[in-house]
Amino acid sequence: MATRWSQENTRPQCPKCNLYGQGEQYIFGTKLNHEREGLADDVMRRARSGGTKHEIELLRARAGLLAVRNQRLVEAVDARYVRAHTKDHPTVAAIKTHRARKKG
């Protein structure tokens, strides 16, 4: 994660190489070394370091925001479910009418 948005580690790639070829990391690394000798090793070292304190704080903040968003989604779905299963809801009334017609 320490190199996710690093300018030294971002280059355009076709979808085939990026998605299905896992980024063609060896080829990507050799091309980085053509730009600057030892650049691929520097990037790999930073990637293994686990990230800076700032990046870790950003990840924690993102996790907190995702938790809030997920809780809001659960509450919204619960509210819709409750509304859909009350006696006065039009959909429930329509289903009951349809079932009554089928029986009669």
N, C-alpha and C. Protein backbone atom coordinates (compact mmCIF):
# COMPACT_ATOMS: atom_id res chain seq x y z
N MET A 1 0.81 -1.19 0.00
CA MET A 1 0.00 0.00 0.00
C MET A 1 0.86 1.25 0.00
N ALA A 2 2.10 1.13 0.44
CA ALA A 2 2.98 2.29 0.53
C ALA A 2 3.30 2.87 -0.84
N THR A 3 3.14 2.08 -1.89
CA THR A 3 3.47 2.57 -3.23
C THR A 3 2.25 2.69 -4.13
N ARG A 4 1.06 2.53 -3.57
CA ARG A 4 -0.16 2.51 -4.38
C ARG A 4 -0.31 3.75 -5.25
N TRP A 5 -0.10 4.94 -4.68
CA TRP A 5 -0.31 6.17 -5.43
C TRP A 5 1.00 6.90 -5.71
N SER A 6 2.12 6.23 -5.54
CA SER A 6 3.42 6.84 -5.79
C SER A 6 3.59 7.11 -7.28
N GLN A 7 4.08 8.29 -7.60
CA GLN A 7 4.30 8.65 -9.01
C GLN A 7 5.35 7.74 -9.66
N GLU A 8 6.26 7.21 -8.85
CA GLU A 8 7.28 6.32 -9.40
C GLU A 8 6.71 4.95 -9.76
N ASN A 9 5.56 4.61 -9.22
CA ASN A 9 5.00 3.28 -9.40
C ASN A 9 3.75 3.25 -10.28
N THR A 10 3.34 4.38 -10.80
CA THR A 10 2.12 4.40 -11.62
C THR A 10 2.48 4.66 -13.08
N ARG A 11 2.06 3.75 -13.92
CA ARG A 11 2.25 3.87 -15.36
C ARG A 11 1.00 3.28 -16.03
N PRO A 12 0.68 3.73 -17.22
CA PRO A 12 -0.47 3.14 -17.90
C PRO A 12 -0.16 1.71 -18.35
N GLN A 13 -1.19 0.87 -18.28
CA GLN A 13 -1.07 -0.50 -18.76
C GLN A 13 -2.38 -0.88 -19.43
N CYS A 14 -2.29 -1.79 -20.38
CA CYS A 14 -3.52 -2.27 -21.01
C CYS A 14 -4.26 -3.16 -20.01
N PRO A 15 -5.58 -3.30 -20.16
CA PRO A 15 -6.35 -4.13 -19.22
C PRO A 15 -5.85 -5.57 -19.15
N LYS A 16 -5.42 -6.12 -20.28
CA LYS A 16 -4.96 -7.51 -20.28
C LYS A 16 -3.76 -7.68 -19.35
N CYS A 17 -2.77 -6.80 -19.48
CA CYS A 17 -1.58 -6.91 -18.62
C CYS A 17 -1.91 -6.58 -17.17
N ASN A 18 -2.70 -5.54 -16.97
CA ASN A 18 -2.97 -5.06 -15.62
C ASN A 18 -3.88 -6.02 -14.85
N LEU A 19 -4.95 -6.47 -15.46
CA LEU A 19 -5.92 -7.29 -14.74
C LEU A 19 -5.59 -8.78 -14.81
N TYR A 20 -5.35 -9.27 -16.00
CA TYR A 20 -5.20 -10.71 -16.18
C TYR A 20 -3.76 -11.17 -16.05
N GLY A 21 -2.81 -10.25 -16.20
CA GLY A 21 -1.40 -10.60 -16.07
C GLY A 21 -0.81 -10.13 -14.76
N GLN A 22 -1.66 -9.76 -13.78
CA GLN A 22 -1.22 -9.25 -12.48
C GLN A 22 -0.21 -8.12 -12.62
N GLY A 23 -0.38 -7.29 -13.64
CA GLY A 23 0.48 -6.13 -13.81
C GLY A 23 1.81 -6.43 -14.49
N GLU A 24 2.00 -7.70 -14.88
CA GLU A 24 3.28 -8.10 -15.48
C GLU A 24 4.43 -7.48 -14.69
N GLN A 25 4.52 -7.83 -13.41
CA GLN A 25 5.41 -7.15 -12.48
C GLN A 25 6.88 -7.21 -12.89
N TYR A 26 7.31 -8.33 -13.41
CA TYR A 26 8.72 -8.42 -13.80
C TYR A 26 9.03 -7.46 -14.94
N ILE A 27 8.18 -7.47 -15.96
CA ILE A 27 8.38 -6.57 -17.10
C ILE A 27 8.28 -5.12 -16.64
N PHE A 28 7.29 -4.83 -15.78
CA PHE A 28 7.12 -3.49 -15.25
C PHE A 28 8.37 -3.05 -14.50
N GLY A 29 8.92 -3.95 -13.69
CA GLY A 29 10.13 -3.62 -12.93
C GLY A 29 11.34 -3.36 -13.81
N THR A 30 11.50 -4.17 -14.88
CA THR A 30 12.64 -3.95 -15.77
C THR A 30 12.52 -2.61 -16.50
N LYS A 31 11.29 -2.24 -16.84
CA LYS A 31 11.11 -0.94 -17.50
C LYS A 31 11.33 0.21 -16.53
N LEU A 32 10.98 0.01 -15.25
CA LEU A 32 11.29 1.04 -14.25
C LEU A 32 12.80 1.21 -14.14
N ASN A 33 13.54 0.09 -14.17
CA ASN A 33 14.99 0.18 -14.07
C ASN A 33 15.62 0.83 -15.29
N HIS A 34 14.97 0.77 -16.45
CA HIS A 34 15.47 1.48 -17.63
C HIS A 34 15.35 2.99 -17.44
N GLU A 35 14.32 3.42 -16.73
CA GLU A 35 14.14 4.85 -16.46
C GLU A 35 15.18 5.35 -15.47
N ARG A 36 15.39 4.59 -14.39
CA ARG A 36 16.39 4.95 -13.39
C ARG A 36 16.89 3.66 -12.76
N GLU A 37 18.18 3.44 -12.76
CA GLU A 37 18.76 2.22 -12.23
C GLU A 37 18.42 2.06 -10.75
N GLY A 38 17.87 0.90 -10.40
CA GLY A 38 17.54 0.59 -9.02
C GLY A 38 16.16 1.08 -8.58
N LEU A 39 15.40 1.69 -9.50
CA LEU A 39 14.09 2.22 -9.14
C LEU A 39 13.13 1.10 -8.73
N ALA A 40 13.16 -0.02 -9.43
CA ALA A 40 12.27 -1.14 -9.09
C ALA A 40 12.57 -1.66 -7.69
N ASP A 41 13.85 -1.75 -7.33
CA ASP A 41 14.21 -2.21 -5.99
C ASP A 41 13.73 -1.23 -4.93
N ASP A 42 13.86 0.07 -5.20
CA ASP A 42 13.38 1.09 -4.25
C ASP A 42 11.87 0.97 -4.05
N VAL A 43 11.13 0.78 -5.14
CA VAL A 43 9.69 0.66 -5.05
C VAL A 43 9.31 -0.59 -4.27
N MET A 44 9.98 -1.72 -4.53
CA MET A 44 9.69 -2.96 -3.82
C MET A 44 9.99 -2.83 -2.32
N ARG A 45 11.09 -2.15 -1.99
CA ARG A 45 11.46 -1.95 -0.59
C ARG A 45 10.38 -1.14 0.14
N ARG A 46 9.91 -0.09 -0.51
CA ARG A 46 8.86 0.74 0.10
C ARG A 46 7.54 -0.04 0.20
N ALA A 47 7.26 -0.89 -0.79
CA ALA A 47 6.02 -1.67 -0.76
C ALA A 47 6.02 -2.65 0.42
N ARG A 48 7.17 -3.19 0.74
CA ARG A 48 7.27 -4.15 1.85
C ARG A 48 7.34 -3.47 3.21
N SER A 49 7.60 -2.17 3.23
CA SER A 49 7.76 -1.47 4.51
C SER A 49 6.45 -1.32 5.27
N GLY A 50 5.32 -1.47 4.59
CA GLY A 50 4.04 -1.39 5.27
C GLY A 50 3.40 -0.02 5.23
N GLY A 51 4.04 0.94 4.67
CA GLY A 51 3.42 2.25 4.53
C GLY A 51 3.90 3.24 5.56
N THR A 52 3.65 4.49 5.28
CA THR A 52 4.02 5.55 6.20
C THR A 52 2.92 5.72 7.22
N LYS A 53 3.22 6.47 8.26
CA LYS A 53 2.23 6.73 9.30
C LYS A 53 1.01 7.43 8.71
N HIS A 54 1.27 8.36 7.77
CA HIS A 54 0.17 9.09 7.13
C HIS A 54 -0.73 8.14 6.34
N GLU A 55 -0.16 7.22 5.61
CA GLU A 55 -0.94 6.27 4.83
C GLU A 55 -1.76 5.35 5.73
N ILE A 56 -1.20 4.97 6.86
CA ILE A 56 -1.93 4.11 7.80
C ILE A 56 -3.12 4.87 8.37
N GLU A 57 -2.93 6.15 8.69
CA GLU A 57 -4.05 6.96 9.19
C GLU A 57 -5.13 7.10 8.13
N LEU A 58 -4.74 7.27 6.87
CA LEU A 58 -5.72 7.35 5.80
C LEU A 58 -6.51 6.05 5.67
N LEU A 59 -5.84 4.93 5.80
CA LEU A 59 -6.52 3.63 5.73
C LEU A 59 -7.51 3.47 6.88
N ARG A 60 -7.12 3.91 8.07
CA ARG A 60 -8.04 3.83 9.21
C ARG A 60 -9.25 4.71 9.00
N ALA A 61 -9.03 5.93 8.48
CA ALA A 61 -10.14 6.84 8.23
C ALA A 61 -11.08 6.24 7.18
N ARG A 62 -10.51 5.64 6.14
CA ARG A 62 -11.33 5.01 5.10
C ARG A 62 -12.16 3.87 5.68
N ALA A 63 -11.54 3.07 6.53
CA ALA A 63 -12.26 1.96 7.15
C ALA A 63 -13.42 2.48 8.00
N GLY A 64 -13.19 3.58 8.71
CA GLY A 64 -14.26 4.17 9.50
C GLY A 64 -15.40 4.68 8.65
N LEU A 65 -15.07 5.32 7.53
CA LEU A 65 -16.10 5.82 6.63
C LEU A 65 -16.89 4.67 6.01
N LEU A 66 -16.21 3.59 5.65
CA LEU A 66 -16.90 2.43 5.09
C LEU A 66 -17.84 1.80 6.12
N ALA A 67 -17.41 1.77 7.38
CA ALA A 67 -18.27 1.22 8.43
C ALA A 67 -19.54 2.05 8.59
N VAL A 68 -19.40 3.38 8.55
CA VAL A 68 -20.56 4.26 8.66
C VAL A 68 -21.48 4.06 7.46
N ARG A 69 -20.91 4.01 6.26
CA ARG A 69 -21.72 3.81 5.06
C ARG A 69 -22.46 2.48 5.11
N ASN A 70 -21.76 1.43 5.52
CA ASN A 70 -22.40 0.12 5.60
C ASN A 70 -23.53 0.11 6.62
N GLN A 71 -23.34 0.79 7.76
CA GLN A 71 -24.39 0.85 8.77
C GLN A 71 -25.61 1.58 8.21
N ARG A 72 -25.38 2.66 7.48
CA ARG A 72 -26.50 3.40 6.88
C ARG A 72 -27.24 2.56 5.85
N LEU A 73 -26.50 1.77 5.07
CA LEU A 73 -27.14 0.89 4.11
C LEU A 73 -28.01 -0.15 4.80
N VAL A 74 -27.49 -0.73 5.88
CA VAL A 74 -28.27 -1.72 6.63
C VAL A 74 -29.53 -1.09 7.18
N GLU A 75 -29.43 0.11 7.72
CA GLU A 75 -30.60 0.79 8.27
C GLU A 75 -31.62 1.08 7.18
N ALA A 76 -31.14 1.49 5.99
CA ALA A 76 -32.06 1.79 4.89
C ALA A 76 -32.78 0.53 4.42
N VAL A 77 -32.05 -0.56 4.31
CA VAL A 77 -32.67 -1.82 3.89
C VAL A 77 -33.67 -2.29 4.93
N ASP A 78 -33.31 -2.18 6.20
CA ASP A 78 -34.24 -2.56 7.27
C ASP A 78 -35.51 -1.73 7.21
N ALA A 79 -35.36 -0.43 6.99
CA ALA A 79 -36.53 0.45 6.94
C ALA A 79 -37.42 0.07 5.75
N ARG A 80 -36.83 -0.22 4.62
CA ARG A 80 -37.62 -0.64 3.45
C ARG A 80 -38.34 -1.95 3.71
N TYR A 81 -37.66 -2.88 4.37
CA TYR A 81 -38.26 -4.17 4.67
C TYR A 81 -39.47 -3.99 5.59
N VAL A 82 -39.31 -3.16 6.61
CA VAL A 82 -40.41 -2.93 7.54
C VAL A 82 -41.59 -2.29 6.82
N ARG A 83 -41.30 -1.28 5.98
CA ARG A 83 -42.39 -0.63 5.24
C ARG A 83 -43.07 -1.61 4.30
N ALA A 84 -42.30 -2.49 3.68
CA ALA A 84 -42.87 -3.42 2.71
C ALA A 84 -43.69 -4.53 3.36
N HIS A 85 -43.50 -4.75 4.64
CA HIS A 85 -44.19 -5.84 5.31
C HIS A 85 -45.23 -5.37 6.33
N THR A 86 -45.66 -4.14 6.20
CA THR A 86 -46.74 -3.66 7.05
C THR A 86 -48.06 -3.87 6.33
N LYS A 87 -49.14 -3.92 7.09
CA LYS A 87 -50.46 -4.20 6.52
C LYS A 87 -50.90 -3.14 5.51
N ASP A 88 -50.54 -1.89 5.75
CA ASP A 88 -51.04 -0.80 4.92
C ASP A 88 -50.22 -0.57 3.66
N HIS A 89 -49.13 -1.27 3.49
CA HIS A 89 -48.28 -1.04 2.32
C HIS A 89 -48.99 -1.53 1.06
N PRO A 90 -48.97 -0.73 -0.02
CA PRO A 90 -49.71 -1.10 -1.24
C PRO A 90 -49.29 -2.44 -1.83
N THR A 91 -48.01 -2.76 -1.75
CA THR A 91 -47.56 -4.03 -2.32
C THR A 91 -48.13 -5.21 -1.54
N VAL A 92 -48.12 -5.11 -0.21
CA VAL A 92 -48.66 -6.18 0.62
C VAL A 92 -50.15 -6.34 0.35
N ALA A 93 -50.86 -5.21 0.25
CA ALA A 93 -52.30 -5.27 -0.03
C ALA A 93 -52.58 -5.91 -1.38
N ALA A 94 -51.77 -5.57 -2.38
CA ALA A 94 -51.95 -6.14 -3.72
C ALA A 94 -51.71 -7.65 -3.71
N ILE A 95 -50.71 -8.09 -2.98
CA ILE A 95 -50.42 -9.52 -2.90
C ILE A 95 -51.58 -10.25 -2.23
N LYS A 96 -52.08 -9.68 -1.14
CA LYS A 96 -53.20 -10.32 -0.43
C LYS A 96 -54.44 -10.39 -1.33
N THR A 97 -54.70 -9.33 -2.09
CA THR A 97 -55.84 -9.32 -3.00
C THR A 97 -55.66 -10.39 -4.06
N HIS A 98 -54.46 -10.48 -4.63
CA HIS A 98 -54.17 -11.47 -5.66
C HIS A 98 -54.35 -12.89 -5.11
N ARG A 99 -53.87 -13.16 -3.91
CA ARG A 99 -54.01 -14.48 -3.30
C ARG A 99 -55.48 -14.80 -3.04
N ALA A 100 -56.23 -13.79 -2.59
CA ALA A 100 -57.65 -14.01 -2.33
C ALA A 100 -58.39 -14.35 -3.61
N ARG A 101 -58.05 -13.70 -4.71
CA ARG A 101 -58.69 -13.97 -5.99
C ARG A 101 -58.36 -15.37 -6.48
N LYS A 102 -57.09 -15.80 -6.25
CA LYS A 102 -56.69 -17.14 -6.68
C LYS A 102 -57.46 -18.22 -5.92
N LYS A 103 -57.68 -18.00 -4.65
CA LYS A 103 -58.39 -18.98 -3.82
C LYS A 103 -59.88 -19.03 -4.18
N GLY A 104 -60.45 -17.85 -4.48
CA GLY A 104 -61.89 -17.76 -4.71
C GLY A 104 -62.29 -18.17 -6.08
